[in-house]
PDB file of N, CA and C in Angstrom:
ATOM      1  N   MET A   1     327.717 204.713  97.496  1.00  0.00           N
ATOM      2  CA  MET A   1     327.004 204.790  98.750  1.00  0.00           C
ATOM      3  C   MET A   1     325.787 205.713  98.617  1.00  0.00           C
ATOM      4  N   LYS A   2     325.941 206.785  97.847  1.00  0.00           N
ATOM      5  CA  LYS A   2     324.843 207.729  97.674  1.00  0.00           C
ATOM      6  C   LYS A   2     323.666 207.058  96.958  1.00  0.00           C
ATOM      7  N   LYS A   3     323.970 206.226  95.976  1.00  0.00           N
ATOM      8  CA  LYS A   3     322.929 205.509  95.244  1.00  0.00           C
ATOM      9  C   LYS A   3     322.183 204.557  96.179  1.00  0.00           C
ATOM     10  N   PHE A   4     322.928 203.876  97.049  1.00  0.00           N
ATOM     11  CA  PHE A   4     322.313 202.964  98.008  1.00  0.00           C
ATOM     12  C   PHE A   4     321.375 203.717  98.951  1.00  0.00           C
ATOM     13  N   MET A   5     321.785 204.868  99.440  1.00  0.00           N
ATOM     14  CA  MET A   5     320.949 205.668 100.346  1.00  0.00           C
ATOM     15  C   MET A   5     319.691 206.154  99.626  1.00  0.00           C
ATOM     16  N   THR A   6     319.832 206.527  98.371  1.00  0.00           N
ATOM     17  CA  THR A   6     318.684 206.972  97.586  1.00  0.00           C
ATOM     18  C   THR A   6     317.697 205.822  97.400  1.00  0.00           C
ATOM     19  N   MET A   7     318.217 204.629  97.120  1.00  0.00           N
ATOM     20  CA  MET A   7     317.343 203.467  96.948  1.00  0.00           C
ATOM     21  C   MET A   7     316.625 203.121  98.252  1.00  0.00           C
ATOM     22  N   THR A   8     317.322 203.207  99.380  1.00  0.00           N
ATOM     23  CA  THR A   8     316.674 202.880 100.658  1.00  0.00           C
ATOM     24  C   THR A   8     315.602 203.900 101.004  1.00  0.00           C
ATOM     25  N   ARG A   9     315.827 205.160 100.695  1.00  0.00           N
ATOM     26  CA  ARG A   9     314.793 206.185 100.936  1.00  0.00           C
ATOM     27  C   ARG A   9     313.572 205.945 100.055  1.00  0.00           C
ATOM     28  N   GLN A  10     313.801 205.589  98.797  1.00  0.00           N
ATOM     29  CA  GLN A  10     312.684 205.305  97.899  1.00  0.00           C
ATOM     30  C   GLN A  10     311.896 204.092  98.382  1.00  0.00           C
ATOM     31  N   PHE A  11     312.606 203.073  98.831  1.00  0.00           N
ATOM     32  CA  PHE A  11     311.936 201.866  99.337  1.00  0.00           C
ATOM     33  C   PHE A  11     311.120 202.199 100.588  1.00  0.00           C
ATOM     34  N   ARG A  12     311.668 203.006 101.470  1.00  0.00           N
ATOM     35  CA  ARG A  12     310.986 203.389 102.700  1.00  0.00           C
ATOM     36  C   ARG A  12     309.736 204.219 102.405  1.00  0.00           C
ATOM     37  N   ASP A  13     309.822 205.097 101.445  1.00  0.00           N
ATOM     38  CA  ASP A  13     308.715 205.999 101.136  1.00  0.00           C
ATOM     39  C   ASP A  13     307.665 205.373 100.226  1.00  0.00           C
ATOM     40  N   ASP A  14     307.979 204.243  99.629  1.00  0.00           N
ATOM     41  CA  ASP A  14     307.041 203.589  98.715  1.00  0.00           C
ATOM     42  C   ASP A  14     305.940 202.910  99.520  1.00  0.00           C
ATOM     43  N   GLU A  15     304.685 203.292  99.270  1.00  0.00           N
ATOM     44  CA  GLU A  15     303.558 202.743 100.021  1.00  0.00           C
ATOM     45  C   GLU A  15     302.652 201.878  99.156  1.00  0.00           C
ATOM     46  N   THR A  16     303.078 201.527  97.968  1.00  0.00           N
ATOM     47  CA  THR A  16     302.220 200.724  97.103  1.00  0.00           C
ATOM     48  C   THR A  16     302.023 199.319  97.670  1.00  0.00           C
ATOM     49  N   GLY A  17     303.012 198.777  98.333  1.00  0.00           N
ATOM     50  CA  GLY A  17     302.867 197.458  98.941  1.00  0.00           C
ATOM     51  C   GLY A  17     301.842 197.470 100.059  1.00  0.00           C
ATOM     52  N   ALA A  18     301.871 198.508 100.897  1.00  0.00           N
ATOM     53  CA  ALA A  18     300.905 198.621 101.990  1.00  0.00           C
ATOM     54  C   ALA A  18     299.495 198.790 101.440  1.00  0.00           C
ATOM     55  N   ALA A  19     299.350 199.573 100.402  1.00  0.00           N
ATOM     56  CA  ALA A  19     298.030 199.766  99.795  1.00  0.00           C
ATOM     57  C   ALA A  19     297.534 198.460  99.191  1.00  0.00           C
ATOM     58  N   MET A  20     298.415 197.689  98.598  1.00  0.00           N
ATOM     59  CA  MET A  20     298.041 196.412  98.013  1.00  0.00           C
ATOM     60  C   MET A  20     297.531 195.459  99.095  1.00  0.00           C
ATOM     61  N   VAL A  21     298.193 195.440 100.237  1.00  0.00           N
ATOM     62  CA  VAL A  21     297.761 194.581 101.344  1.00  0.00           C
ATOM     63  C   VAL A  21     296.389 195.019 101.835  1.00  0.00           C
ATOM     64  N   GLU A  22     296.180 196.319 101.958  1.00  0.00           N
ATOM     65  CA  GLU A  22     294.879 196.818 102.418  1.00  0.00           C
ATOM     66  C   GLU A  22     293.768 196.434 101.445  1.00  0.00           C
ATOM     67  N   TYR A  23     294.012 196.588 100.168  1.00  0.00           N
ATOM     68  CA  TYR A  23     293.001 196.216  99.177  1.00  0.00           C
ATOM     69  C   TYR A  23     292.748 194.710  99.177  1.00  0.00           C
ATOM     70  N   THR A  24     293.780 193.925  99.399  1.00  0.00           N
ATOM     71  CA  THR A  24     293.619 192.476  99.447  1.00  0.00           C
ATOM     72  C   THR A  24     292.776 192.066 100.644  1.00  0.00           C
ATOM     73  N   VAL A  25     293.018 192.664 101.794  1.00  0.00           N
ATOM     74  CA  VAL A  25     292.217 192.372 102.983  1.00  0.00           C
ATOM     75  C   VAL A  25     290.769 192.784 102.753  1.00  0.00           C
ATOM     76  N   LEU A  26     290.557 193.951 102.178  1.00  0.00           N
ATOM     77  CA  LEU A  26     289.210 194.422 101.890  1.00  0.00           C
ATOM     78  C   LEU A  26     288.508 193.488 100.910  1.00  0.00           C
ATOM     79  N   LEU A  27     289.215 193.040  99.890  1.00  0.00           N
ATOM     80  CA  LEU A  27     288.641 192.102  98.931  1.00  0.00           C
ATOM     81  C   LEU A  27     288.278 190.783  99.602  1.00  0.00           C
ATOM     82  N   GLY A  28     289.094 190.329 100.523  1.00  0.00           N
ATOM     83  CA  GLY A  28     288.802 189.109 101.268  1.00  0.00           C
ATOM     84  C   GLY A  28     287.551 189.238 102.114  1.00  0.00           C
ATOM     85  N   ILE A  29     287.395 190.370 102.783  1.00  0.00           N
ATOM     86  CA  ILE A  29     286.202 190.606 103.605  1.00  0.00           C
ATOM     87  C   ILE A  29     284.950 190.642 102.735  1.00  0.00           C
ATOM     88  N   ILE A  30     285.023 191.319 101.607  1.00  0.00           N
ATOM     89  CA  ILE A  30     283.879 191.391 100.700  1.00  0.00           C
ATOM     90  C   ILE A  30     283.541 190.008 100.163  1.00  0.00           C
ATOM     91  N   THR A  31     284.557 189.222  99.826  1.00  0.00           N
ATOM     92  CA  THR A  31     284.328 187.876  99.311  1.00  0.00           C
ATOM     93  C   THR A  31     283.632 187.002 100.345  1.00  0.00           C
ATOM     94  N   VAL A  32     284.076 187.058 101.584  1.00  0.00           N
ATOM     95  CA  VAL A  32     283.445 186.277 102.652  1.00  0.00           C
ATOM     96  C   VAL A  32     282.000 186.715 102.842  1.00  0.00           C
ATOM     97  N   ALA A  33     281.737 188.012 102.792  1.00  0.00           N
ATOM     98  CA  ALA A  33     280.370 188.513 102.954  1.00  0.00           C
ATOM     99  C   ALA A  33     279.468 188.037 101.821  1.00  0.00           C
ATOM    100  N   VAL A  34     279.977 188.049 100.605  1.00  0.00           N
ATOM    101  CA  VAL A  34     279.178 187.599  99.459  1.00  0.00           C
ATOM    102  C   VAL A  34     278.885 186.107  99.567  1.00  0.00           C
ATOM    103  N   ILE A  35     279.876 185.318  99.931  1.00  0.00           N
ATOM    104  CA  ILE A  35     279.668 183.875 100.066  1.00  0.00           C
ATOM    105  C   ILE A  35     278.656 183.586 101.165  1.00  0.00           C
ATOM    106  N   ALA A  36     278.761 184.265 102.302  1.00  0.00           N
ATOM    107  CA  ALA A  36     277.804 184.064 103.398  1.00  0.00           C
ATOM    108  C   ALA A  36     276.395 184.445 102.965  1.00  0.00           C
ATOM    109  N   THR A  37     276.262 185.534 102.218  1.00  0.00           N
ATOM    110  CA  THR A  37     274.951 185.961 101.741  1.00  0.00           C
ATOM    111  C   THR A  37     274.357 184.937 100.786  1.00  0.00           C
ATOM    112  N   VAL A  38     275.162 184.426  99.879  1.00  0.00           N
ATOM    113  CA  VAL A  38     274.668 183.423  98.933  1.00  0.00           C
ATOM    114  C   VAL A  38     274.218 182.168  99.673  1.00  0.00           C
ATOM    115  N   ILE A  39     274.974 181.739 100.663  1.00  0.00           N
ATOM    116  CA  ILE A  39     274.603 180.545 101.429  1.00  0.00           C
ATOM    117  C   ILE A  39     273.303 180.779 102.190  1.00  0.00           C
ATOM    118  N   LEU A  40     273.168 181.926 102.843  1.00  0.00           N
ATOM    119  CA  LEU A  40     271.955 182.220 103.609  1.00  0.00           C
ATOM    120  C   LEU A  40     270.732 182.347 102.708  1.00  0.00           C
ATOM    121  N   VAL A  41     270.873 183.036 101.587  1.00  0.00           N
ATOM    122  CA  VAL A  41     269.749 183.174 100.655  1.00  0.00           C
ATOM    123  C   VAL A  41     269.393 181.817 100.058  1.00  0.00           C
ATOM    124  N   GLY A  42     270.393 181.015  99.759  1.00  0.00           N
ATOM    125  CA  GLY A  42     270.133 179.678  99.233  1.00  0.00           C
ATOM    126  C   GLY A  42     269.374 178.820 100.221  1.00  0.00           C
ATOM    127  N   ALA A  43     269.743 178.893 101.495  1.00  0.00           N
ATOM    128  CA  ALA A  43     269.031 178.131 102.531  1.00  0.00           C
ATOM    129  C   ALA A  43     267.593 178.626 102.657  1.00  0.00           C
ATOM    130  N   TRP A  44     267.388 179.939 102.586  1.00  0.00           N
ATOM    131  CA  TRP A  44     266.040 180.490 102.688  1.00  0.00           C
ATOM    132  C   TRP A  44     265.184 180.032 101.498  1.00  0.00           C
ATOM    133  N   ILE A  45     265.747 180.074 100.305  1.00  0.00           N
ATOM    134  CA  ILE A  45     265.007 179.647  99.107  1.00  0.00           C
ATOM    135  C   ILE A  45     264.673 178.160  99.197  1.00  0.00           C
ATOM    136  N   THR A  46     265.599 177.364  99.678  1.00  0.00           N
ATOM    137  CA  THR A  46     265.350 175.933  99.837  1.00  0.00           C
ATOM    138  C   THR A  46     264.188 175.699 100.800  1.00  0.00           C
ATOM    139  N   GLY A  47     264.170 176.426 101.898  1.00  0.00           N
ATOM    140  CA  GLY A  47     263.069 176.318 102.857  1.00  0.00           C
ATOM    141  C   GLY A  47     261.738 176.726 102.247  1.00  0.00           C
ATOM    142  N   GLN A  48     261.734 177.794 101.499  1.00  0.00           N
ATOM    143  CA  GLN A  48     260.502 178.252 100.858  1.00  0.00           C
ATOM    144  C   GLN A  48     260.027 177.224  99.824  1.00  0.00           C
ATOM    145  N   TRP A  49     260.945 176.662  99.082  1.00  0.00           N
ATOM    146  CA  TRP A  49     260.599 175.674  98.066  1.00  0.00           C
ATOM    147  C   TRP A  49     260.018 174.416  98.722  1.00  0.00           C
ATOM    148  N   THR A  50     260.619 173.988  99.819  1.00  0.00           N
ATOM    149  CA  THR A  50     260.129 172.813 100.542  1.00  0.00           C
ATOM    150  C   THR A  50     258.727 173.075 101.099  1.00  0.00           C
ATOM    151  N   THR A  51     258.491 174.253 101.630  1.00  0.00           N
ATOM    152  CA  THR A  51     257.172 174.612 102.146  1.00  0.00           C
ATOM    153  C   THR A  51     256.147 174.615 101.012  1.00  0.00           C
ATOM    154  N   LEU A  52     256.516 175.146  99.867  1.00  0.00           N
ATOM    155  CA  LEU A  52     255.615 175.173  98.720  1.00  0.00           C
ATOM    156  C   LEU A  52     255.287 173.756  98.234  1.00  0.00           C
ATOM    157  N   GLN A  53     256.305 172.899  98.185  1.00  0.00           N
ATOM    158  CA  GLN A  53     256.078 171.518  97.757  1.00  0.00           C
ATOM    159  C   GLN A  53     255.159 170.784  98.725  1.00  0.00           C
ATOM    160  N   ALA A  54     255.316 171.040 100.005  1.00  0.00           N
ATOM    161  CA  ALA A  54     254.485 170.372 101.009  1.00  0.00           C
ATOM    162  C   ALA A  54     253.048 170.870 100.926  1.00  0.00           C
ATOM    163  N   ALA A  55     252.828 172.107 100.531  1.00  0.00           N
ATOM    164  CA  ALA A  55     251.488 172.677 100.467  1.00  0.00           C
ATOM    165  C   ALA A  55     250.737 172.187  99.235  1.00  0.00           C
ATOM    166  N   LEU A  56     251.441 171.798  98.192  1.00  0.00           N
ATOM    167  CA  LEU A  56     250.778 171.330  96.983  1.00  0.00           C
ATOM    168  C   LEU A  56     250.356 169.864  97.149  1.00  0.00           C
ATOM    169  N   PRO A  57     249.174 169.515  96.634  1.00  0.00           N
ATOM    170  CA  PRO A  57     248.724 168.124  96.787  1.00  0.00           C
ATOM    171  C   PRO A  57     249.494 167.160  95.912  1.00  0.00           C
TER     172      PRO A  57
END
């Protein structure tokens, strides 16, 4: 019984799982931001390229 209580206390006090979840959420937010930035910059470059092509004879 003492071993079981020791294991439950260790499990309760272990915060590596919570930290892993926090880092995963943070990584997800950063990934979404990077993808959105790439899409927006790509659209801007496409617009600039189209304007340049239209200006050339």
